[in-house]
């Protein structure tokens, strides 16, 4: 496995994390604005900002889950390269179990 590839992947994941952090910060600022200005905001503007917050939270959640799935897949690929799994061997991915995710199924690992 190439060290440069691993380092570049970590940088890519860091950029994804920064993107999520920026989105979370913007969402936080909107919610903070709502809390501090709720008495001076008209109902229409309040509804608009709340709708934007919901949509931003939805996009952030989807992006976060997709990024995590991509990182899981890349970790599995790195693990397969590190243990020199042949390319023609099908890899069985396990579904997530709570907060843990295994790179390979128990059947694959025991064979």
PDB file of N, CA and C in Angstrom:
ATOM      1  N   UNK A   1       0.848  -1.167   0.000  1.00  0.00           N
ATOM      2  CA  UNK A   1       0.000   0.000   0.000  1.00  0.00           C
ATOM      3  C   UNK A   1       0.897   1.234   0.000  1.00  0.00           C
ATOM      4  N   UNK A   2       0.557   2.185  -0.783  1.00  0.00           N
ATOM      5  CA  UNK A   2       1.351   3.385  -0.950  1.00  0.00           C
ATOM      6  C   UNK A   2       1.023   4.394   0.156  1.00  0.00           C
ATOM      7  N   UNK A   3       2.042   4.866   0.848  1.00  0.00           N
ATOM      8  CA  UNK A   3       1.850   5.840   1.924  1.00  0.00           C
ATOM      9  C   UNK A   3       1.236   7.124   1.397  1.00  0.00           C
ATOM     10  N   UNK A   4       1.663   7.558   0.229  1.00  0.00           N
ATOM     11  CA  UNK A   4       1.118   8.775  -0.363  1.00  0.00           C
ATOM     12  C   UNK A   4      -0.389   8.650  -0.569  1.00  0.00           C
ATOM     13  N   UNK A   5      -0.834   7.493  -0.997  1.00  0.00           N
ATOM     14  CA  UNK A   5      -2.265   7.265  -1.199  1.00  0.00           C
ATOM     15  C   UNK A   5      -3.030   7.406   0.121  1.00  0.00           C
ATOM     16  N   UNK A   6      -2.484   6.852   1.182  1.00  0.00           N
ATOM     17  CA  UNK A   6      -3.131   6.943   2.495  1.00  0.00           C
ATOM     18  C   UNK A   6      -3.177   8.396   2.963  1.00  0.00           C
ATOM     19  N   UNK A   7      -2.067   9.100   2.833  1.00  0.00           N
ATOM     20  CA  UNK A   7      -2.005  10.499   3.256  1.00  0.00           C
ATOM     21  C   UNK A   7      -2.986  11.343   2.451  1.00  0.00           C
ATOM     22  N   UNK A   8      -3.034  11.159   1.139  1.00  0.00           N
ATOM     23  CA  UNK A   8      -3.972  11.913   0.311  1.00  0.00           C
ATOM     24  C   UNK A   8      -5.417  11.618   0.692  1.00  0.00           C
ATOM     25  N   UNK A   9      -5.706  10.382   1.029  1.00  0.00           N
ATOM     26  CA  UNK A   9      -7.058  10.022   1.452  1.00  0.00           C
ATOM     27  C   UNK A   9      -7.407  10.703   2.768  1.00  0.00           C
ATOM     28  N   UNK A  10      -6.452  10.758   3.680  1.00  0.00           N
ATOM     29  CA  UNK A  10      -6.702  11.443   4.953  1.00  0.00           C
ATOM     30  C   UNK A  10      -6.969  12.924   4.716  1.00  0.00           C
ATOM     31  N   UNK A  11      -6.202  13.552   3.826  1.00  0.00           N
ATOM     32  CA  UNK A  11      -6.449  14.952   3.495  1.00  0.00           C
ATOM     33  C   UNK A  11      -7.840  15.139   2.893  1.00  0.00           C
ATOM     34  N   UNK A  12      -8.248  14.213   2.042  1.00  0.00           N
ATOM     35  CA  UNK A  12      -9.579  14.282   1.438  1.00  0.00           C
ATOM     36  C   UNK A  12     -10.655  14.187   2.517  1.00  0.00           C
ATOM     37  N   UNK A  13     -10.463  13.271   3.469  1.00  0.00           N
ATOM     38  CA  UNK A  13     -11.432  13.134   4.557  1.00  0.00           C
ATOM     39  C   UNK A  13     -11.450  14.392   5.424  1.00  0.00           C
ATOM     40  N   UNK A  14     -10.294  14.998   5.625  1.00  0.00           N
ATOM     41  CA  UNK A  14     -10.226  16.240   6.396  1.00  0.00           C
ATOM     42  C   UNK A  14     -11.001  17.350   5.697  1.00  0.00           C
ATOM     43  N   UNK A  15     -10.892  17.418   4.386  1.00  0.00           N
ATOM     44  CA  UNK A  15     -11.637  18.429   3.630  1.00  0.00           C
ATOM     45  C   UNK A  15     -13.137  18.182   3.749  1.00  0.00           C
ATOM     46  N   UNK A  16     -13.557  16.923   3.681  1.00  0.00           N
ATOM     47  CA  UNK A  16     -14.975  16.598   3.868  1.00  0.00           C
ATOM     48  C   UNK A  16     -15.447  17.015   5.255  1.00  0.00           C
ATOM     49  N   UNK A  17     -14.614  16.781   6.256  1.00  0.00           N
ATOM     50  CA  UNK A  17     -14.966  17.162   7.623  1.00  0.00           C
ATOM     51  C   UNK A  17     -15.080  18.674   7.746  1.00  0.00           C
ATOM     52  N   UNK A  18     -14.162  19.411   7.116  1.00  0.00           N
ATOM     53  CA  UNK A  18     -14.247  20.875   7.137  1.00  0.00           C
ATOM     54  C   UNK A  18     -15.519  21.361   6.452  1.00  0.00           C
ATOM     55  N   UNK A  19     -15.906  20.720   5.356  1.00  0.00           N
ATOM     56  CA  UNK A  19     -17.142  21.091   4.665  1.00  0.00           C
ATOM     57  C   UNK A  19     -18.340  20.904   5.591  1.00  0.00           C
ATOM     58  N   UNK A  20     -18.370  19.772   6.294  1.00  0.00           N
ATOM     59  CA  UNK A  20     -19.470  19.527   7.233  1.00  0.00           C
ATOM     60  C   UNK A  20     -19.433  20.520   8.393  1.00  0.00           C
ATOM     61  N   UNK A  21     -18.244  20.862   8.860  1.00  0.00           N
ATOM     62  CA  UNK A  21     -18.119  21.821   9.959  1.00  0.00           C
ATOM     63  C   UNK A  21     -18.602  23.206   9.537  1.00  0.00           C
ATOM     64  N   UNK A  22     -18.283  23.622   8.306  1.00  0.00           N
ATOM     65  CA  UNK A  22     -18.763  24.912   7.811  1.00  0.00           C
ATOM     66  C   UNK A  22     -20.288  24.929   7.748  1.00  0.00           C
ATOM     67  N   UNK A  23     -20.864  23.850   7.239  1.00  0.00           N
ATOM     68  CA  UNK A  23     -22.324  23.764   7.143  1.00  0.00           C
ATOM     69  C   UNK A  23     -22.957  23.765   8.531  1.00  0.00           C
ATOM     70  N   UNK A  24     -22.361  23.047   9.463  1.00  0.00           N
ATOM     71  CA  UNK A  24     -22.888  23.016  10.833  1.00  0.00           C
ATOM     72  C   UNK A  24     -22.779  24.390  11.486  1.00  0.00           C
ATOM     73  N   UNK A  25     -21.688  25.107  11.215  1.00  0.00           N
ATOM     74  CA  UNK A  25     -21.511  26.451  11.759  1.00  0.00           C
ATOM     75  C   UNK A  25     -22.577  27.395  11.219  1.00  0.00           C
ATOM     76  N   UNK A  26     -22.832  27.338   9.921  1.00  0.00           N
ATOM     77  CA  UNK A  26     -23.873  28.178   9.327  1.00  0.00           C
ATOM     78  C   UNK A  26     -25.238  27.860   9.932  1.00  0.00           C
ATOM     79  N   UNK A  27     -25.515  26.591  10.119  1.00  0.00           N
ATOM     80  CA  UNK A  27     -26.776  26.174  10.718  1.00  0.00           C
ATOM     81  C   UNK A  27     -26.874  26.696  12.151  1.00  0.00           C
ATOM     82  N   UNK A  28     -25.810  26.561  12.906  1.00  0.00           N
ATOM     83  CA  UNK A  28     -25.769  27.061  14.279  1.00  0.00           C
ATOM     84  C   UNK A  28     -26.025  28.570  14.312  1.00  0.00           C
ATOM     85  N   UNK A  29     -25.386  29.309  13.405  1.00  0.00           N
ATOM     86  CA  UNK A  29     -25.561  30.758  13.370  1.00  0.00           C
ATOM     87  C   UNK A  29     -27.000  31.136  13.055  1.00  0.00           C
ATOM     88  N   UNK A  30     -27.643  30.401  12.154  1.00  0.00           N
ATOM     89  CA  UNK A  30     -29.047  30.682  11.846  1.00  0.00           C
ATOM     90  C   UNK A  30     -29.933  30.419  13.062  1.00  0.00           C
ATOM     91  N   UNK A  31     -29.687  29.325  13.748  1.00  0.00           N
ATOM     92  CA  UNK A  31     -30.485  29.001  14.931  1.00  0.00           C
ATOM     93  C   UNK A  31     -30.244  30.034  16.031  1.00  0.00           C
ATOM     94  N   UNK A  32     -28.999  30.450  16.194  1.00  0.00           N
ATOM     95  CA  UNK A  32     -28.681  31.470  17.193  1.00  0.00           C
ATOM     96  C   UNK A  32     -29.392  32.784  16.852  1.00  0.00           C
ATOM     97  N   UNK A  33     -29.410  33.140  15.571  1.00  0.00           N
ATOM     98  CA  UNK A  33     -30.121  34.343  15.132  1.00  0.00           C
ATOM     99  C   UNK A  33     -31.600  34.232  15.473  1.00  0.00           C
ATOM    100  N   UNK A  34     -32.183  33.065  15.234  1.00  0.00           N
ATOM    101  CA  UNK A  34     -33.594  32.869  15.561  1.00  0.00           C
ATOM    102  C   UNK A  34     -33.842  33.058  17.050  1.00  0.00           C
ATOM    103  N   UNK A  35     -32.965  32.526  17.872  1.00  0.00           N
ATOM    104  CA  UNK A  35     -33.147  32.630  19.319  1.00  0.00           C
ATOM    105  C   UNK A  35     -33.014  34.064  19.814  1.00  0.00           C
ATOM    106  N   UNK A  36     -32.072  34.800  19.266  1.00  0.00           N
ATOM    107  CA  UNK A  36     -31.841  36.164  19.751  1.00  0.00           C
ATOM    108  C   UNK A  36     -32.792  37.180  19.143  1.00  0.00           C
ATOM    109  N   UNK A  37     -33.355  36.867  17.983  1.00  0.00           N
ATOM    110  CA  UNK A  37     -34.202  37.836  17.287  1.00  0.00           C
ATOM    111  C   UNK A  37     -35.642  37.371  17.126  1.00  0.00           C
ATOM    112  N   UNK A  38     -36.031  36.332  17.817  1.00  0.00           N
ATOM    113  CA  UNK A  38     -37.363  35.746  17.617  1.00  0.00           C
ATOM    114  C   UNK A  38     -38.483  36.758  17.815  1.00  0.00           C
ATOM    115  N   UNK A  39     -38.328  37.661  18.762  1.00  0.00           N
ATOM    116  CA  UNK A  39     -39.407  38.618  19.041  1.00  0.00           C
ATOM    117  C   UNK A  39     -39.529  39.695  17.972  1.00  0.00           C
ATOM    118  N   UNK A  40     -38.481  39.922  17.192  1.00  0.00           N
ATOM    119  CA  UNK A  40     -38.523  40.978  16.177  1.00  0.00           C
ATOM    120  C   UNK A  40     -38.731  40.455  14.759  1.00  0.00           C
ATOM    121  N   UNK A  41     -38.758  39.148  14.593  1.00  0.00           N
ATOM    122  CA  UNK A  41     -38.912  38.557  13.260  1.00  0.00           C
ATOM    123  C   UNK A  41     -40.392  38.336  12.979  1.00  0.00           C
ATOM    124  N   UNK A  42     -40.818  38.717  11.770  1.00  0.00           N
ATOM    125  CA  UNK A  42     -42.217  38.454  11.429  1.00  0.00           C
ATOM    126  C   UNK A  42     -42.404  36.968  11.132  1.00  0.00           C
ATOM    127  N   UNK A  43     -43.632  36.519  11.170  1.00  0.00           N
ATOM    128  CA  UNK A  43     -43.953  35.091  11.048  1.00  0.00           C
ATOM    129  C   UNK A  43     -43.473  34.502   9.727  1.00  0.00           C
ATOM    130  N   UNK A  44     -43.563  35.278   8.663  1.00  0.00           N
ATOM    131  CA  UNK A  44     -43.164  34.778   7.351  1.00  0.00           C
ATOM    132  C   UNK A  44     -41.647  34.542   7.286  1.00  0.00           C
ATOM    133  N   UNK A  45     -40.899  35.506   7.798  1.00  0.00           N
ATOM    134  CA  UNK A  45     -39.442  35.363   7.805  1.00  0.00           C
ATOM    135  C   UNK A  45     -39.022  34.218   8.728  1.00  0.00           C
ATOM    136  N   UNK A  46     -39.702  34.102   9.872  1.00  0.00           N
ATOM    137  CA  UNK A  46     -39.414  33.021  10.811  1.00  0.00           C
ATOM    138  C   UNK A  46     -39.626  31.657  10.156  1.00  0.00           C
ATOM    139  N   UNK A  47     -40.739  31.507   9.462  1.00  0.00           N
ATOM    140  CA  UNK A  47     -41.032  30.240   8.779  1.00  0.00           C
ATOM    141  C   UNK A  47     -39.993  29.954   7.703  1.00  0.00           C
ATOM    142  N   UNK A  48     -39.562  30.992   6.986  1.00  0.00           N
ATOM    143  CA  UNK A  48     -38.556  30.822   5.929  1.00  0.00           C
ATOM    144  C   UNK A  48     -37.227  30.352   6.522  1.00  0.00           C
ATOM    145  N   UNK A  49     -36.795  30.985   7.597  1.00  0.00           N
ATOM    146  CA  UNK A  49     -35.522  30.618   8.217  1.00  0.00           C
ATOM    147  C   UNK A  49     -35.598  29.211   8.797  1.00  0.00           C
ATOM    148  N   UNK A  50     -36.715  28.873   9.429  1.00  0.00           N
ATOM    149  CA  UNK A  50     -36.878  27.520   9.969  1.00  0.00           C
ATOM    150  C   UNK A  50     -36.831  26.479   8.856  1.00  0.00           C
ATOM    151  N   UNK A  51     -37.466  26.777   7.744  1.00  0.00           N
ATOM    152  CA  UNK A  51     -37.456  25.861   6.602  1.00  0.00           C
ATOM    153  C   UNK A  51     -36.035  25.692   6.061  1.00  0.00           C
ATOM    154  N   UNK A  52     -35.303  26.797   5.963  1.00  0.00           N
ATOM    155  CA  UNK A  52     -33.914  26.735   5.501  1.00  0.00           C
ATOM    156  C   UNK A  52     -33.052  25.914   6.464  1.00  0.00           C
ATOM    157  N   UNK A  53     -33.291  26.070   7.763  1.00  0.00           N
ATOM    158  CA  UNK A  53     -32.539  25.298   8.766  1.00  0.00           C
ATOM    159  C   UNK A  53     -32.830  23.810   8.635  1.00  0.00           C
ATOM    160  N   UNK A  54     -34.094  23.465   8.455  1.00  0.00           N
ATOM    161  CA  UNK A  54     -34.446  22.051   8.295  1.00  0.00           C
ATOM    162  C   UNK A  54     -33.779  21.469   7.056  1.00  0.00           C
ATOM    163  N   UNK A  55     -33.829  22.203   5.958  1.00  0.00           N
ATOM    164  CA  UNK A  55     -33.233  21.724   4.707  1.00  0.00           C
ATOM    165  C   UNK A  55     -31.713  21.608   4.842  1.00  0.00           C
ATOM    166  N   UNK A  56     -31.090  22.584   5.492  1.00  0.00           N
ATOM    167  CA  UNK A  56     -29.636  22.533   5.696  1.00  0.00           C
ATOM    168  C   UNK A  56     -29.256  21.347   6.581  1.00  0.00           C
ATOM    169  N   UNK A  57     -30.036  21.099   7.623  1.00  0.00           N
ATOM    170  CA  UNK A  57     -29.760  19.955   8.502  1.00  0.00           C
ATOM    171  C   UNK A  57     -29.914  18.646   7.737  1.00  0.00           C
ATOM    172  N   UNK A  58     -30.912  18.577   6.887  1.00  0.00           N
ATOM    173  CA  UNK A  58     -31.137  17.373   6.071  1.00  0.00           C
ATOM    174  C   UNK A  58     -29.947  17.132   5.139  1.00  0.00           C
ATOM    175  N   UNK A  59     -29.520  18.180   4.433  1.00  0.00           N
ATOM    176  CA  UNK A  59     -28.381  18.047   3.514  1.00  0.00           C
ATOM    177  C   UNK A  59     -27.109  17.660   4.263  1.00  0.00           C
ATOM    178  N   UNK A  60     -26.905  18.272   5.423  1.00  0.00           N
ATOM    179  CA  UNK A  60     -25.722  17.970   6.225  1.00  0.00           C
ATOM    180  C   UNK A  60     -25.732  16.516   6.683  1.00  0.00           C
ATOM    181  N   UNK A  61     -26.884  16.034   7.102  1.00  0.00           N
ATOM    182  CA  UNK A  61     -26.989  14.637   7.538  1.00  0.00           C
ATOM    183  C   UNK A  61     -26.705  13.682   6.384  1.00  0.00           C
ATOM    184  N   UNK A  62     -27.291  13.940   5.231  1.00  0.00           N
ATOM    185  CA  UNK A  62     -27.072  13.077   4.065  1.00  0.00           C
ATOM    186  C   UNK A  62     -25.599  13.095   3.670  1.00  0.00           C
ATOM    187  N   UNK A  63     -25.009  14.277   3.627  1.00  0.00           N
ATOM    188  CA  UNK A  63     -23.598  14.399   3.267  1.00  0.00           C
ATOM    189  C   UNK A  63     -22.717  13.667   4.276  1.00  0.00           C
ATOM    190  N   UNK A  64     -23.031  13.815   5.553  1.00  0.00           N
ATOM    191  CA  UNK A  64     -22.252  13.150   6.595  1.00  0.00           C
ATOM    192  C   UNK A  64     -22.316  11.636   6.489  1.00  0.00           C
ATOM    193  N   UNK A  65     -23.534  11.098   6.297  1.00  0.00           N
ATOM    194  CA  UNK A  65     -23.681   9.643   6.169  1.00  0.00           C
ATOM    195  C   UNK A  65     -22.991   9.129   4.908  1.00  0.00           C
ATOM    196  N   UNK A  66     -23.119   9.864   3.805  1.00  0.00           N
ATOM    197  CA  UNK A  66     -22.472   9.441   2.555  1.00  0.00           C
ATOM    198  C   UNK A  66     -20.949   9.485   2.693  1.00  0.00           C
ATOM    199  N   UNK A  67     -20.440  10.518   3.350  1.00  0.00           N
ATOM    200  CA  UNK A  67     -18.992  10.614   3.566  1.00  0.00           C
ATOM    201  C   UNK A  67     -18.493   9.470   4.437  1.00  0.00           C
ATOM    202  N   UNK A  68     -19.247   9.155   5.474  1.00  0.00           N
ATOM    203  CA  UNK A  68     -18.853   8.050   6.354  1.00  0.00           C
ATOM    204  C   UNK A  68     -18.839   6.727   5.596  1.00  0.00           C
ATOM    205  N   UNK A  69     -19.827   6.510   4.754  1.00  0.00           N
ATOM    206  CA  UNK A  69     -19.882   5.273   3.964  1.00  0.00           C
ATOM    207  C   UNK A  69     -18.681   5.198   3.024  1.00  0.00           C
ATOM    208  N   UNK A  70     -18.353   6.321   2.403  1.00  0.00           N
ATOM    209  CA  UNK A  70     -17.199   6.360   1.509  1.00  0.00           C
ATOM    210  C   UNK A  70     -15.910   6.058   2.280  1.00  0.00           C
ATOM    211  N   UNK A  71     -15.768   6.625   3.465  1.00  0.00           N
ATOM    212  CA  UNK A  71     -14.586   6.366   4.287  1.00  0.00           C
ATOM    213  C   UNK A  71     -14.519   4.898   4.689  1.00  0.00           C
ATOM    214  N   UNK A  72     -15.670   4.314   5.027  1.00  0.00           N
ATOM    215  CA  UNK A  72     -15.707   2.882   5.362  1.00  0.00           C
ATOM    216  C   UNK A  72     -15.228   2.038   4.189  1.00  0.00           C
ATOM    217  N   UNK A  73     -15.722   2.354   3.004  1.00  0.00           N
ATOM    218  CA  UNK A  73     -15.330   1.590   1.817  1.00  0.00           C
ATOM    219  C   UNK A  73     -13.839   1.731   1.527  1.00  0.00           C
ATOM    220  N   UNK A  74     -13.320   2.941   1.679  1.00  0.00           N
ATOM    221  CA  UNK A  74     -11.891   3.146   1.455  1.00  0.00           C
ATOM    222  C   UNK A  74     -11.055   2.414   2.498  1.00  0.00           C
ATOM    223  N   UNK A  75     -11.521   2.400   3.741  1.00  0.00           N
ATOM    224  CA  UNK A  75     -10.800   1.664   4.787  1.00  0.00           C
ATOM    225  C   UNK A  75     -10.768   0.176   4.458  1.00  0.00           C
ATOM    226  N   UNK A  76     -11.877  -0.344   3.952  1.00  0.00           N
ATOM    227  CA  UNK A  76     -11.925  -1.755   3.570  1.00  0.00           C
ATOM    228  C   UNK A  76     -10.958  -2.035   2.424  1.00  0.00           C
ATOM    229  N   UNK A  77     -10.913  -1.127   1.445  1.00  0.00           N
ATOM    230  CA  UNK A  77      -9.981  -1.295   0.328  1.00  0.00           C
ATOM    231  C   UNK A  77      -8.533  -1.262   0.816  1.00  0.00           C
ATOM    232  N   UNK A  78      -8.214  -0.331   1.720  1.00  0.00           N
ATOM    233  CA  UNK A  78      -6.860  -0.264   2.268  1.00  0.00           C
ATOM    234  C   UNK A  78      -6.525  -1.544   3.021  1.00  0.00           C
ATOM    235  N   UNK A  79      -7.478  -2.033   3.808  1.00  0.00           N
ATOM    236  CA  UNK A  79      -7.248  -3.275   4.563  1.00  0.00           C
ATOM    237  C   UNK A  79      -7.018  -4.438   3.608  1.00  0.00           C
ATOM    238  N   UNK A  80      -7.815  -4.504   2.545  1.00  0.00           N
ATOM    239  CA  UNK A  80      -7.662  -5.588   1.568  1.00  0.00           C
ATOM    240  C   UNK A  80      -6.292  -5.530   0.897  1.00  0.00           C
ATOM    241  N   UNK A  81      -5.838  -4.315   0.571  1.00  0.00           N
ATOM    242  CA  UNK A  81      -4.510  -4.177  -0.032  1.00  0.00           C
ATOM    243  C   UNK A  81      -3.416  -4.549   0.960  1.00  0.00           C
ATOM    244  N   UNK A  82      -3.603  -4.146   2.215  1.00  0.00           N
ATOM    245  CA  UNK A  82      -2.580  -4.415   3.232  1.00  0.00           C
ATOM    246  C   UNK A  82      -2.411  -5.908   3.483  1.00  0.00           C
ATOM    247  N   UNK A  83      -3.515  -6.657   3.436  1.00  0.00           N
ATOM    248  CA  UNK A  83      -3.407  -8.105   3.673  1.00  0.00           C
ATOM    249  C   UNK A  83      -3.345  -8.883   2.367  1.00  0.00           C
ATOM    250  N   UNK A  84      -3.245  -8.130   1.263  1.00  0.00           N
ATOM    251  CA  UNK A  84      -3.057  -8.708  -0.071  1.00  0.00           C
ATOM    252  C   UNK A  84      -4.159  -9.687  -0.470  1.00  0.00           C
ATOM    253  N   UNK A  85      -5.413  -9.217  -0.333  1.00  0.00           N
ATOM    254  CA  UNK A  85      -6.557 -10.015  -0.784  1.00  0.00           C
ATOM    255  C   UNK A  85      -6.565  -9.971  -2.309  1.00  0.00           C
ATOM    256  N   UNK A  86      -6.656 -11.110  -2.985  1.00  0.00           N
ATOM    257  CA  UNK A  86      -6.691 -11.115  -4.453  1.00  0.00           C
ATOM    258  C   UNK A  86      -7.890 -10.315  -4.985  1.00  0.00           C
ATOM    259  N   UNK A  87      -7.694  -9.648  -6.112  1.00  0.00           N
ATOM    260  CA  UNK A  87      -8.752  -8.813  -6.680  1.00  0.00           C
ATOM    261  C   UNK A  87      -9.982  -9.610  -7.094  1.00  0.00           C
ATOM    262  N   UNK A  88      -9.797 -10.866  -7.437  1.00  0.00           N
ATOM    263  CA  UNK A  88     -10.930 -11.654  -7.911  1.00  0.00           C
ATOM    264  C   UNK A  88     -11.772 -12.234  -6.772  1.00  0.00           C
ATOM    265  N   UNK A  89     -11.396 -11.977  -5.534  1.00  0.00           N
ATOM    266  CA  UNK A  89     -12.160 -12.463  -4.383  1.00  0.00           C
ATOM    267  C   UNK A  89     -13.231 -11.430  -4.048  1.00  0.00           C
ATOM    268  N   UNK A  90     -14.468 -11.904  -4.000  1.00  0.00           N
ATOM    269  CA  UNK A  90     -15.565 -10.995  -3.644  1.00  0.00           C
ATOM    270  C   UNK A  90     -15.486 -10.686  -2.158  1.00  0.00           C
ATOM    271  N   UNK A  91     -15.658  -9.423  -1.818  1.00  0.00           N
ATOM    272  CA  UNK A  91     -15.612  -9.029  -0.418  1.00  0.00           C
ATOM    273  C   UNK A  91     -17.026  -8.810   0.083  1.00  0.00           C
ATOM    274  N   UNK A  92     -17.337  -9.414   1.209  1.00  0.00           N
ATOM    275  CA  UNK A  92     -18.651  -9.251   1.822  1.00  0.00           C
ATOM    276  C   UNK A  92     -18.552  -8.161   2.870  1.00  0.00           C
ATOM    277  N   UNK A  93     -19.329  -7.105   2.671  1.00  0.00           N
ATOM    278  CA  UNK A  93     -19.352  -6.021   3.639  1.00  0.00           C
ATOM    279  C   UNK A  93     -20.464  -6.279   4.637  1.00  0.00           C
ATOM    280  N   UNK A  94     -20.199  -5.978   5.879  1.00  0.00           N
ATOM    281  CA  UNK A  94     -21.212  -6.143   6.919  1.00  0.00           C
ATOM    282  C   UNK A  94     -22.020  -4.868   7.061  1.00  0.00           C
ATOM    283  N   UNK A  95     -23.289  -4.996   7.377  1.00  0.00           N
ATOM    284  CA  UNK A  95     -24.045  -3.789   7.706  1.00  0.00           C
ATOM    285  C   UNK A  95     -23.526  -3.226   9.025  1.00  0.00           C
ATOM    286  N   UNK A  96     -23.819  -1.978   9.254  1.00  0.00           N
ATOM    287  CA  UNK A  96     -23.352  -1.357  10.488  1.00  0.00           C
ATOM    288  C   UNK A  96     -24.056  -1.983  11.678  1.00  0.00           C
ATOM    289  N   UNK A  97     -23.308  -2.215  12.726  1.00  0.00           N
ATOM    290  CA  UNK A  97     -23.853  -2.756  13.964  1.00  0.00           C
ATOM    291  C   UNK A  97     -23.625  -1.722  15.052  1.00  0.00           C
ATOM    292  N   UNK A  98     -24.654  -0.957  15.356  1.00  0.00           N
ATOM    293  CA  UNK A  98     -24.489   0.104  16.345  1.00  0.00           C
ATOM    294  C   UNK A  98     -23.533   1.141  15.809  1.00  0.00           C
ATOM    295  N   UNK A  99     -22.452   1.390  16.542  1.00  0.00           N
ATOM    296  CA  UNK A  99     -21.472   2.373  16.083  1.00  0.00           C
ATOM    297  C   UNK A  99     -20.248   1.718  15.467  1.00  0.00           C
ATOM    298  N   UNK A 100     -20.214   0.381  15.445  1.00  0.00           N
ATOM    299  CA  UNK A 100     -19.064  -0.316  14.877  1.00  0.00           C
ATOM    300  C   UNK A 100     -19.406  -0.867  13.504  1.00  0.00           C
ATOM    301  N   UNK A 101     -18.426  -0.892  12.644  1.00  0.00           N
ATOM    302  CA  UNK A 101     -18.591  -1.484  11.327  1.00  0.00           C
ATOM    303  C   UNK A 101     -17.354  -2.315  11.053  1.00  0.00           C
ATOM    304  N   UNK A 102     -17.554  -3.544  10.681  1.00  0.00           N
ATOM    305  CA  UNK A 102     -16.447  -4.435  10.369  1.00  0.00           C
ATOM    306  C   UNK A 102     -16.113  -4.313   8.885  1.00  0.00           C
ATOM    307  N   UNK A 103     -14.855  -4.434   8.563  1.00  0.00           N
ATOM    308  CA  UNK A 103     -14.443  -4.326   7.163  1.00  0.00           C
ATOM    309  C   UNK A 103     -14.913  -5.524   6.354  1.00  0.00           C
ATOM    310  N   UNK A 104     -14.853  -6.710   6.942  1.00  0.00           N
ATOM    311  CA  UNK A 104     -15.223  -7.926   6.225  1.00  0.00           C
ATOM    312  C   UNK A 104     -16.195  -8.742   7.064  1.00  0.00           C
ATOM    313  N   UNK A 105     -16.982  -9.572   6.400  1.00  0.00           N
ATOM    314  CA  UNK A 105     -17.909 -10.439   7.119  1.00  0.00           C
ATOM    315  C   UNK A 105     -17.134 -11.501   7.888  1.00  0.00           C
ATOM    316  N   UNK A 106     -17.801 -12.141   8.855  1.00  0.00           N
ATOM    317  CA  UNK A 106     -17.149 -13.194   9.640  1.00  0.00           C
ATOM    318  C   UNK A 106     -16.760 -14.364   8.750  1.00  0.00           C
ATOM    319  N   UNK A 107     -17.611 -14.680   7.762  1.00  0.00           N
ATOM    320  CA  UNK A 107     -17.308 -15.783   6.847  1.00  0.00           C
ATOM    321  C   UNK A 107     -16.046 -15.490   6.044  1.00  0.00           C
ATOM    322  N   UNK A 108     -15.928 -14.254   5.545  1.00  0.00           N
ATOM    323  CA  UNK A 108     -14.758 -13.876   4.764  1.00  0.00           C
ATOM    324  C   UNK A 108     -13.506 -13.914   5.637  1.00  0.00           C
ATOM    325  N   UNK A 109     -13.624 -13.394   6.846  1.00  0.00           N
ATOM    326  CA  UNK A 109     -12.474 -13.330   7.750  1.00  0.00           C
ATOM    327  C   UNK A 109     -11.994 -14.704   8.179  1.00  0.00           C
ATOM    328  N   UNK A 110     -12.914 -15.660   8.302  1.00  0.00           N
ATOM    329  CA  UNK A 110     -12.526 -16.987   8.779  1.00  0.00           C
ATOM    330  C   UNK A 110     -12.015 -17.887   7.663  1.00  0.00           C
ATOM    331  N   UNK A 111     -12.182 -17.476   6.416  1.00  0.00           N
ATOM    332  CA  UNK A 111     -11.723 -18.337   5.311  1.00  0.00           C
ATOM    333  C   UNK A 111     -10.282 -18.086   4.951  1.00  0.00           C
TER     334      UNK A 111
END
